[in-house]
């Protein structure tokens, strides 16, 4: 299964300054960035800072049955090193 992710919210609570730095950290595990689309969607995980968020991406992910995880959950699974300030 492909590991294509999309992001919403901020990764700062997981210790990352930007979404691109978070993507760089998880890309070592085969993740690539995608874009959630109603048609021909390939995104498998939406990463968010708030599971209760009501963003358009969150609504679409729920509608399409895409897995939703927080930045912290994904960071913990792969034991990502947080950025130093």
PDB file of N, CA and C in Angstrom:
ATOM      1  N   UNK A   1       0.837  -1.192   0.000  1.00  0.00           N
ATOM      2  CA  UNK A   1       0.000   0.000   0.000  1.00  0.00           C
ATOM      3  C   UNK A   1       0.881   1.254   0.000  1.00  0.00           C
ATOM      4  N   UNK A   2       0.508   2.201  -0.840  1.00  0.00           N
ATOM      5  CA  UNK A   2       1.250   3.451  -0.892  1.00  0.00           C
ATOM      6  C   UNK A   2       1.054   4.223   0.398  1.00  0.00           C
ATOM      7  N   UNK A   3       2.042   5.000   0.756  1.00  0.00           N
ATOM      8  CA  UNK A   3       1.963   5.863   1.940  1.00  0.00           C
ATOM      9  C   UNK A   3       1.957   7.309   1.469  1.00  0.00           C
ATOM     10  N   UNK A   4       0.779   7.767   1.073  1.00  0.00           N
ATOM     11  CA  UNK A   4       0.652   9.137   0.593  1.00  0.00           C
ATOM     12  C   UNK A   4      -0.106   9.935   1.648  1.00  0.00           C
ATOM     13  N   UNK A   5       0.511  11.015   2.098  1.00  0.00           N
ATOM     14  CA  UNK A   5      -0.073  11.808   3.176  1.00  0.00           C
ATOM     15  C   UNK A   5      -0.418  13.220   2.713  1.00  0.00           C
ATOM     16  N   UNK A   6      -1.379  13.787   3.414  1.00  0.00           N
ATOM     17  CA  UNK A   6      -1.746  15.192   3.255  1.00  0.00           C
ATOM     18  C   UNK A   6      -1.754  15.769   4.666  1.00  0.00           C
ATOM     19  N   UNK A   7      -1.524  17.062   4.783  1.00  0.00           N
ATOM     20  CA  UNK A   7      -1.437  17.703   6.088  1.00  0.00           C
ATOM     21  C   UNK A   7      -2.483  18.795   6.249  1.00  0.00           C
ATOM     22  N   UNK A   8      -2.932  18.968   7.486  1.00  0.00           N
ATOM     23  CA  UNK A   8      -3.760  20.102   7.863  1.00  0.00           C
ATOM     24  C   UNK A   8      -3.335  20.509   9.267  1.00  0.00           C
ATOM     25  N   UNK A   9      -3.424  21.768   9.574  1.00  0.00           N
ATOM     26  CA  UNK A   9      -2.968  22.225  10.887  1.00  0.00           C
ATOM     27  C   UNK A   9      -1.451  22.343  10.946  1.00  0.00           C
ATOM     28  N   UNK A  10      -0.946  22.511  12.157  1.00  0.00           N
ATOM     29  CA  UNK A  10       0.478  22.752  12.368  1.00  0.00           C
ATOM     30  C   UNK A  10       1.164  21.583  13.072  1.00  0.00           C
ATOM     31  N   UNK A  11       2.388  21.242  12.661  1.00  0.00           N
ATOM     32  CA  UNK A  11       3.136  20.167  13.319  1.00  0.00           C
ATOM     33  C   UNK A  11       3.931  20.634  14.543  1.00  0.00           C
ATOM     34  N   UNK A  12       3.745  21.881  14.968  1.00  0.00           N
ATOM     35  CA  UNK A  12       4.550  22.435  16.067  1.00  0.00           C
ATOM     36  C   UNK A  12       4.392  21.658  17.366  1.00  0.00           C
ATOM     37  N   UNK A  13       3.193  21.150  17.634  1.00  0.00           N
ATOM     38  CA  UNK A  13       2.985  20.394  18.879  1.00  0.00           C
ATOM     39  C   UNK A  13       3.760  19.077  18.889  1.00  0.00           C
ATOM     40  N   UNK A  14       4.180  18.618  17.717  1.00  0.00           N
ATOM     41  CA  UNK A  14       4.979  17.396  17.614  1.00  0.00           C
ATOM     42  C   UNK A  14       6.469  17.716  17.554  1.00  0.00           C
ATOM     43  N   UNK A  15       6.805  19.010  17.669  1.00  0.00           N
ATOM     44  CA  UNK A  15       8.210  19.397  17.702  1.00  0.00           C
ATOM     45  C   UNK A  15       8.805  19.766  16.361  1.00  0.00           C
ATOM     46  N   UNK A  16       7.964  20.054  15.370  1.00  0.00           N
ATOM     47  CA  UNK A  16       8.447  20.423  14.040  1.00  0.00           C
ATOM     48  C   UNK A  16       7.969  21.818  13.693  1.00  0.00           C
ATOM     49  N   UNK A  17       8.869  22.606  13.108  1.00  0.00           N
ATOM     50  CA  UNK A  17       8.535  23.998  12.793  1.00  0.00           C
ATOM     51  C   UNK A  17       7.609  24.126  11.601  1.00  0.00           C
ATOM     52  N   UNK A  18       7.783  23.258  10.608  1.00  0.00           N
ATOM     53  CA  UNK A  18       6.999  23.358   9.381  1.00  0.00           C
ATOM     54  C   UNK A  18       6.513  21.984   8.926  1.00  0.00           C
ATOM     55  N   UNK A  19       5.512  22.001   8.069  1.00  0.00           N
ATOM     56  CA  UNK A  19       5.013  20.752   7.492  1.00  0.00           C
ATOM     57  C   UNK A  19       6.083  20.110   6.617  1.00  0.00           C
ATOM     58  N   UNK A  20       6.863  20.933   5.931  1.00  0.00           N
ATOM     59  CA  UNK A  20       7.904  20.367   5.058  1.00  0.00           C
ATOM     60  C   UNK A  20       8.991  19.670   5.879  1.00  0.00           C
ATOM     61  N   UNK A  21       9.303  20.187   7.055  1.00  0.00           N
ATOM     62  CA  UNK A  21      10.302  19.501   7.891  1.00  0.00           C
ATOM     63  C   UNK A  21       9.731  18.188   8.440  1.00  0.00           C
ATOM     64  N   UNK A  22       8.429  18.176   8.731  1.00  0.00           N
ATOM     65  CA  UNK A  22       7.787  16.932   9.175  1.00  0.00           C
ATOM     66  C   UNK A  22       7.789  15.918   8.032  1.00  0.00           C
ATOM     67  N   UNK A  23       7.459  16.363   6.826  1.00  0.00           N
ATOM     68  CA  UNK A  23       7.468  15.479   5.662  1.00  0.00           C
ATOM     69  C   UNK A  23       8.866  14.919   5.428  1.00  0.00           C
ATOM     70  N   UNK A  24       9.865  15.754   5.581  1.00  0.00           N
ATOM     71  CA  UNK A  24      11.244  15.296   5.411  1.00  0.00           C
ATOM     72  C   UNK A  24      11.566  14.168   6.391  1.00  0.00           C
ATOM     73  N   UNK A  25      11.088  14.301   7.621  1.00  0.00           N
ATOM     74  CA  UNK A  25      11.356  13.280   8.642  1.00  0.00           C
ATOM     75  C   UNK A  25      10.639  11.968   8.328  1.00  0.00           C
ATOM     76  N   UNK A  26       9.401  12.020   7.839  1.00  0.00           N
ATOM     77  CA  UNK A  26       8.673  10.769   7.574  1.00  0.00           C
ATOM     78  C   UNK A  26       8.963  10.196   6.191  1.00  0.00           C
ATOM     79  N   UNK A  27       9.561  10.992   5.321  1.00  0.00           N
ATOM     80  CA  UNK A  27       9.870  10.492   3.978  1.00  0.00           C
ATOM     81  C   UNK A  27      10.876   9.346   4.035  1.00  0.00           C
ATOM     82  N   UNK A  28      11.661   9.288   5.091  1.00  0.00           N
ATOM     83  CA  UNK A  28      12.623   8.189   5.276  1.00  0.00           C
ATOM     84  C   UNK A  28      11.912   6.843   5.428  1.00  0.00           C
ATOM     85  N   UNK A  29      10.608   6.899   5.741  1.00  0.00           N
ATOM     86  CA  UNK A  29       9.821   5.693   5.940  1.00  0.00           C
ATOM     87  C   UNK A  29       8.886   5.430   4.756  1.00  0.00           C
ATOM     88  N   UNK A  30       9.150   6.100   3.640  1.00  0.00           N
ATOM     89  CA  UNK A  30       8.410   5.849   2.417  1.00  0.00           C
ATOM     90  C   UNK A  30       7.182   6.714   2.199  1.00  0.00           C
ATOM     91  N   UNK A  31       6.985   7.735   3.020  1.00  0.00           N
ATOM     92  CA  UNK A  31       5.834   8.618   2.865  1.00  0.00           C
ATOM     93  C   UNK A  31       6.127   9.693   1.821  1.00  0.00           C
ATOM     94  N   UNK A  32       5.119   9.990   1.012  1.00  0.00           N
ATOM     95  CA  UNK A  32       5.217  11.095   0.074  1.00  0.00           C
ATOM     96  C   UNK A  32       3.983  11.974   0.235  1.00  0.00           C
ATOM     97  N   UNK A  33       4.093  13.215  -0.194  1.00  0.00           N
ATOM     98  CA  UNK A  33       3.004  14.187  -0.061  1.00  0.00           C
ATOM     99  C   UNK A  33       2.050  14.060  -1.228  1.00  0.00           C
ATOM    100  N   UNK A  34       0.777  14.105  -0.908  1.00  0.00           N
ATOM    101  CA  UNK A  34      -0.253  14.083  -1.938  1.00  0.00           C
ATOM    102  C   UNK A  34      -1.271  15.169  -1.659  1.00  0.00           C
ATOM    103  N   UNK A  35      -2.326  15.166  -2.423  1.00  0.00           N
ATOM    104  CA  UNK A  35      -3.393  16.137  -2.249  1.00  0.00           C
ATOM    105  C   UNK A  35      -4.711  15.374  -2.252  1.00  0.00           C
ATOM    106  N   UNK A  36      -5.523  15.605  -1.216  1.00  0.00           N
ATOM    107  CA  UNK A  36      -6.826  14.953  -1.146  1.00  0.00           C
ATOM    108  C   UNK A  36      -7.712  15.488  -2.268  1.00  0.00           C
ATOM    109  N   UNK A  37      -8.308  14.542  -3.004  1.00  0.00           N
ATOM    110  CA  UNK A  37      -9.205  14.911  -4.098  1.00  0.00           C
ATOM    111  C   UNK A  37     -10.450  14.038  -4.018  1.00  0.00           C
ATOM    112  N   UNK A  38     -11.581  14.626  -4.373  1.00  0.00           N
ATOM    113  CA  UNK A  38     -12.827  13.850  -4.390  1.00  0.00           C
ATOM    114  C   UNK A  38     -12.742  12.714  -5.401  1.00  0.00           C
ATOM    115  N   UNK A  39     -12.173  13.008  -6.547  1.00  0.00           N
ATOM    116  CA  UNK A  39     -12.033  11.994  -7.594  1.00  0.00           C
ATOM    117  C   UNK A  39     -10.583  11.539  -7.683  1.00  0.00           C
ATOM    118  N   UNK A  40     -10.398  10.266  -7.885  1.00  0.00           N
ATOM    119  CA  UNK A  40      -9.060   9.690  -8.051  1.00  0.00           C
ATOM    120  C   UNK A  40      -8.134  10.031  -6.889  1.00  0.00           C
ATOM    121  N   UNK A  41      -8.658   9.994  -5.682  1.00  0.00           N
ATOM    122  CA  UNK A  41      -7.842  10.289  -4.509  1.00  0.00           C
ATOM    123  C   UNK A  41      -6.812   9.188  -4.283  1.00  0.00           C
ATOM    124  N   UNK A  42      -5.588   9.565  -3.962  1.00  0.00           N
ATOM    125  CA  UNK A  42      -4.543   8.593  -3.643  1.00  0.00           C
ATOM    126  C   UNK A  42      -4.036   8.749  -2.209  1.00  0.00           C
ATOM    127  N   UNK A  43      -4.475   9.793  -1.501  1.00  0.00           N
ATOM    128  CA  UNK A  43      -4.016  10.027  -0.131  1.00  0.00           C
ATOM    129  C   UNK A  43      -4.545   8.912   0.770  1.00  0.00           C
ATOM    130  N   UNK A  44      -3.640   8.352   1.585  1.00  0.00           N
ATOM    131  CA  UNK A  44      -4.032   7.270   2.491  1.00  0.00           C
ATOM    132  C   UNK A  44      -4.130   7.727   3.939  1.00  0.00           C
ATOM    133  N   UNK A  45      -3.446   8.822   4.287  1.00  0.00           N
ATOM    134  CA  UNK A  45      -3.472   9.332   5.661  1.00  0.00           C
ATOM    135  C   UNK A  45      -3.518  10.853   5.639  1.00  0.00           C
ATOM    136  N   UNK A  46      -4.437  11.410   6.422  1.00  0.00           N
ATOM    137  CA  UNK A  46      -4.449  12.849   6.656  1.00  0.00           C
ATOM    138  C   UNK A  46      -3.840  13.066   8.032  1.00  0.00           C
ATOM    139  N   UNK A  47      -2.838  13.908   8.098  1.00  0.00           N
ATOM    140  CA  UNK A  47      -2.165  14.202   9.357  1.00  0.00           C
ATOM    141  C   UNK A  47      -2.626  15.577   9.825  1.00  0.00           C
ATOM    142  N   UNK A  48      -3.075  15.653  11.086  1.00  0.00           N
ATOM    143  CA  UNK A  48      -3.645  16.881  11.621  1.00  0.00           C
ATOM    144  C   UNK A  48      -3.111  17.170  13.013  1.00  0.00           C
ATOM    145  N   UNK A  49      -3.296  18.399  13.456  1.00  0.00           N
ATOM    146  CA  UNK A  49      -2.922  18.738  14.821  1.00  0.00           C
ATOM    147  C   UNK A  49      -4.120  18.626  15.763  1.00  0.00           C
ATOM    148  N   UNK A  50      -5.331  18.423  15.203  1.00  0.00           N
ATOM    149  CA  UNK A  50      -6.542  18.375  16.010  1.00  0.00           C
ATOM    150  C   UNK A  50      -7.549  17.427  15.378  1.00  0.00           C
ATOM    151  N   UNK A  51      -7.795  16.296  16.039  1.00  0.00           N
ATOM    152  CA  UNK A  51      -8.728  15.304  15.506  1.00  0.00           C
ATOM    153  C   UNK A  51     -10.165  15.822  15.448  1.00  0.00           C
ATOM    154  N   UNK A  52     -10.455  16.878  16.167  1.00  0.00           N
ATOM    155  CA  UNK A  52     -11.795  17.461  16.169  1.00  0.00           C
ATOM    156  C   UNK A  52     -11.923  18.640  15.216  1.00  0.00           C
ATOM    157  N   UNK A  53     -10.902  18.873  14.430  1.00  0.00           N
ATOM    158  CA  UNK A  53     -10.891  19.986  13.479  1.00  0.00           C
ATOM    159  C   UNK A  53     -12.015  19.831  12.459  1.00  0.00           C
ATOM    160  N   UNK A  54     -12.478  20.945  11.952  1.00  0.00           N
ATOM    161  CA  UNK A  54     -13.548  20.942  10.958  1.00  0.00           C
ATOM    162  C   UNK A  54     -13.088  21.539   9.635  1.00  0.00           C
ATOM    163  N   UNK A  55     -11.802  21.390   9.316  1.00  0.00           N
ATOM    164  CA  UNK A  55     -11.293  21.938   8.066  1.00  0.00           C
ATOM    165  C   UNK A  55     -11.890  21.185   6.878  1.00  0.00           C
ATOM    166  N   UNK A  56     -11.797  21.784   5.724  1.00  0.00           N
ATOM    167  CA  UNK A  56     -12.286  21.147   4.502  1.00  0.00           C
ATOM    168  C   UNK A  56     -11.583  19.813   4.280  1.00  0.00           C
ATOM    169  N   UNK A  57     -10.276  19.782   4.533  1.00  0.00           N
ATOM    170  CA  UNK A  57      -9.521  18.536   4.354  1.00  0.00           C
ATOM    171  C   UNK A  57     -10.013  17.454   5.308  1.00  0.00           C
ATOM    172  N   UNK A  58     -10.315  17.829   6.550  1.00  0.00           N
ATOM    173  CA  UNK A  58     -10.819  16.857   7.525  1.00  0.00           C
ATOM    174  C   UNK A  58     -12.177  16.309   7.075  1.00  0.00           C
ATOM    175  N   UNK A  59     -13.048  17.189   6.646  1.00  0.00           N
ATOM    176  CA  UNK A  59     -14.370  16.756   6.190  1.00  0.00           C
ATOM    177  C   UNK A  59     -14.261  15.808   5.010  1.00  0.00           C
ATOM    178  N   UNK A  60     -13.404  16.140   4.052  1.00  0.00           N
ATOM    179  CA  UNK A  60     -13.224  15.303   2.875  1.00  0.00           C
ATOM    180  C   UNK A  60     -12.597  13.956   3.237  1.00  0.00           C
ATOM    181  N   UNK A  61     -11.630  13.976   4.147  1.00  0.00           N
ATOM    182  CA  UNK A  61     -11.000  12.722   4.575  1.00  0.00           C
ATOM    183  C   UNK A  61     -12.027  11.791   5.213  1.00  0.00           C
ATOM    184  N   UNK A  62     -12.881  12.339   6.049  1.00  0.00           N
ATOM    185  CA  UNK A  62     -13.927  11.522   6.683  1.00  0.00           C
ATOM    186  C   UNK A  62     -14.893  10.982   5.630  1.00  0.00           C
ATOM    187  N   UNK A  63     -15.261  11.830   4.697  1.00  0.00           N
ATOM    188  CA  UNK A  63     -16.180  11.437   3.629  1.00  0.00           C
ATOM    189  C   UNK A  63     -15.605  10.306   2.784  1.00  0.00           C
ATOM    190  N   UNK A  64     -14.311  10.358   2.521  1.00  0.00           N
ATOM    191  CA  UNK A  64     -13.650   9.375   1.667  1.00  0.00           C
ATOM    192  C   UNK A  64     -13.127   8.158   2.438  1.00  0.00           C
ATOM    193  N   UNK A  65     -13.233   8.177   3.771  1.00  0.00           N
ATOM    194  CA  UNK A  65     -12.753   7.053   4.579  1.00  0.00           C
ATOM    195  C   UNK A  65     -11.250   6.985   4.712  1.00  0.00           C
ATOM    196  N   UNK A  66     -10.590   8.129   4.609  1.00  0.00           N
ATOM    197  CA  UNK A  66      -9.129   8.195   4.734  1.00  0.00           C
ATOM    198  C   UNK A  66      -8.753   8.137   6.217  1.00  0.00           C
ATOM    199  N   UNK A  67      -7.696   7.407   6.538  1.00  0.00           N
ATOM    200  CA  UNK A  67      -7.200   7.369   7.922  1.00  0.00           C
ATOM    201  C   UNK A  67      -6.754   8.757   8.333  1.00  0.00           C
ATOM    202  N   UNK A  68      -7.053   9.111   9.584  1.00  0.00           N
ATOM    203  CA  UNK A  68      -6.666  10.411  10.123  1.00  0.00           C
ATOM    204  C   UNK A  68      -5.830  10.184  11.368  1.00  0.00           C
ATOM    205  N   UNK A  69      -4.666  10.816  11.417  1.00  0.00           N
ATOM    206  CA  UNK A  69      -3.753  10.701  12.553  1.00  0.00           C
ATOM    207  C   UNK A  69      -3.254  12.082  12.921  1.00  0.00           C
ATOM    208  N   UNK A  70      -2.783  12.226  14.165  1.00  0.00           N
ATOM    209  CA  UNK A  70      -2.168  13.489  14.562  1.00  0.00           C
ATOM    210  C   UNK A  70      -0.672  13.434  14.243  1.00  0.00           C
ATOM    211  N   UNK A  71      -0.087  14.615  14.184  1.00  0.00           N
ATOM    212  CA  UNK A  71       1.365  14.696  13.992  1.00  0.00           C
ATOM    213  C   UNK A  71       2.075  13.936  15.112  1.00  0.00           C
ATOM    214  N   UNK A  72       1.564  14.063  16.336  1.00  0.00           N
ATOM    215  CA  UNK A  72       2.188  13.402  17.483  1.00  0.00           C
ATOM    216  C   UNK A  72       2.131  11.887  17.347  1.00  0.00           C
ATOM    217  N   UNK A  73       0.980  11.358  16.917  1.00  0.00           N
ATOM    218  CA  UNK A  73       0.843   9.904  16.760  1.00  0.00           C
ATOM    219  C   UNK A  73       1.838   9.370  15.739  1.00  0.00           C
ATOM    220  N   UNK A  74       1.918  10.009  14.600  1.00  0.00           N
ATOM    221  CA  UNK A  74       2.842   9.556  13.557  1.00  0.00           C
ATOM    222  C   UNK A  74       4.287   9.712  14.014  1.00  0.00           C
ATOM    223  N   UNK A  75       4.572  10.794  14.706  1.00  0.00           N
ATOM    224  CA  UNK A  75       5.913  11.025  15.234  1.00  0.00           C
ATOM    225  C   UNK A  75       6.298   9.939  16.236  1.00  0.00           C
ATOM    226  N   UNK A  76       5.363   9.569  17.102  1.00  0.00           N
ATOM    227  CA  UNK A  76       5.632   8.534  18.105  1.00  0.00           C
ATOM    228  C   UNK A  76       5.832   7.161  17.470  1.00  0.00           C
ATOM    229  N   UNK A  77       5.010   6.836  16.459  1.00  0.00           N
ATOM    230  CA  UNK A  77       5.124   5.531  15.797  1.00  0.00           C
ATOM    231  C   UNK A  77       6.520   5.338  15.224  1.00  0.00           C
ATOM    232  N   UNK A  78       7.050   6.365  14.589  1.00  0.00           N
ATOM    233  CA  UNK A  78       8.349   6.252  13.940  1.00  0.00           C
ATOM    234  C   UNK A  78       9.492   6.819  14.775  1.00  0.00           C
ATOM    235  N   UNK A  79       9.173   7.192  16.015  1.00  0.00           N
ATOM    236  CA  UNK A  79      10.173   7.718  16.933  1.00  0.00           C
ATOM    237  C   UNK A  79      11.007   8.820  16.269  1.00  0.00           C
ATOM    238  N   UNK A  80      10.299   9.784  15.685  1.00  0.00           N
ATOM    239  CA  UNK A  80      10.970  10.876  14.992  1.00  0.00           C
ATOM    240  C   UNK A  80      11.679  11.786  15.988  1.00  0.00           C
ATOM    241  N   UNK A  81      12.833  12.244  15.594  1.00  0.00           N
ATOM    242  CA  UNK A  81      13.561  13.211  16.419  1.00  0.00           C
ATOM    243  C   UNK A  81      12.989  14.593  16.196  1.00  0.00           C
ATOM    244  N   UNK A  82      12.671  15.245  17.246  1.00  0.00           N
ATOM    245  CA  UNK A  82      12.115  16.594  17.148  1.00  0.00           C
ATOM    246  C   UNK A  82      13.201  17.563  16.725  1.00  0.00           C
ATOM    247  N   UNK A  83      12.800  18.646  16.073  1.00  0.00           N
ATOM    248  CA  UNK A  83      13.758  19.666  15.648  1.00  0.00           C
ATOM    249  C   UNK A  83      14.273  20.421  16.854  1.00  0.00           C
ATOM    250  N   UNK A  84      15.506  20.793  16.792  1.00  0.00           N
ATOM    251  CA  UNK A  84      16.074  21.629  17.846  1.00  0.00           C
ATOM    252  C   UNK A  84      15.778  23.077  17.506  1.00  0.00           C
ATOM    253  N   UNK A  85      15.376  23.842  18.482  1.00  0.00           N
ATOM    254  CA  UNK A  85      15.039  25.257  18.233  1.00  0.00           C
ATOM    255  C   UNK A  85      16.256  26.080  17.937  1.00  0.00           C
TER     256      UNK A  85
END
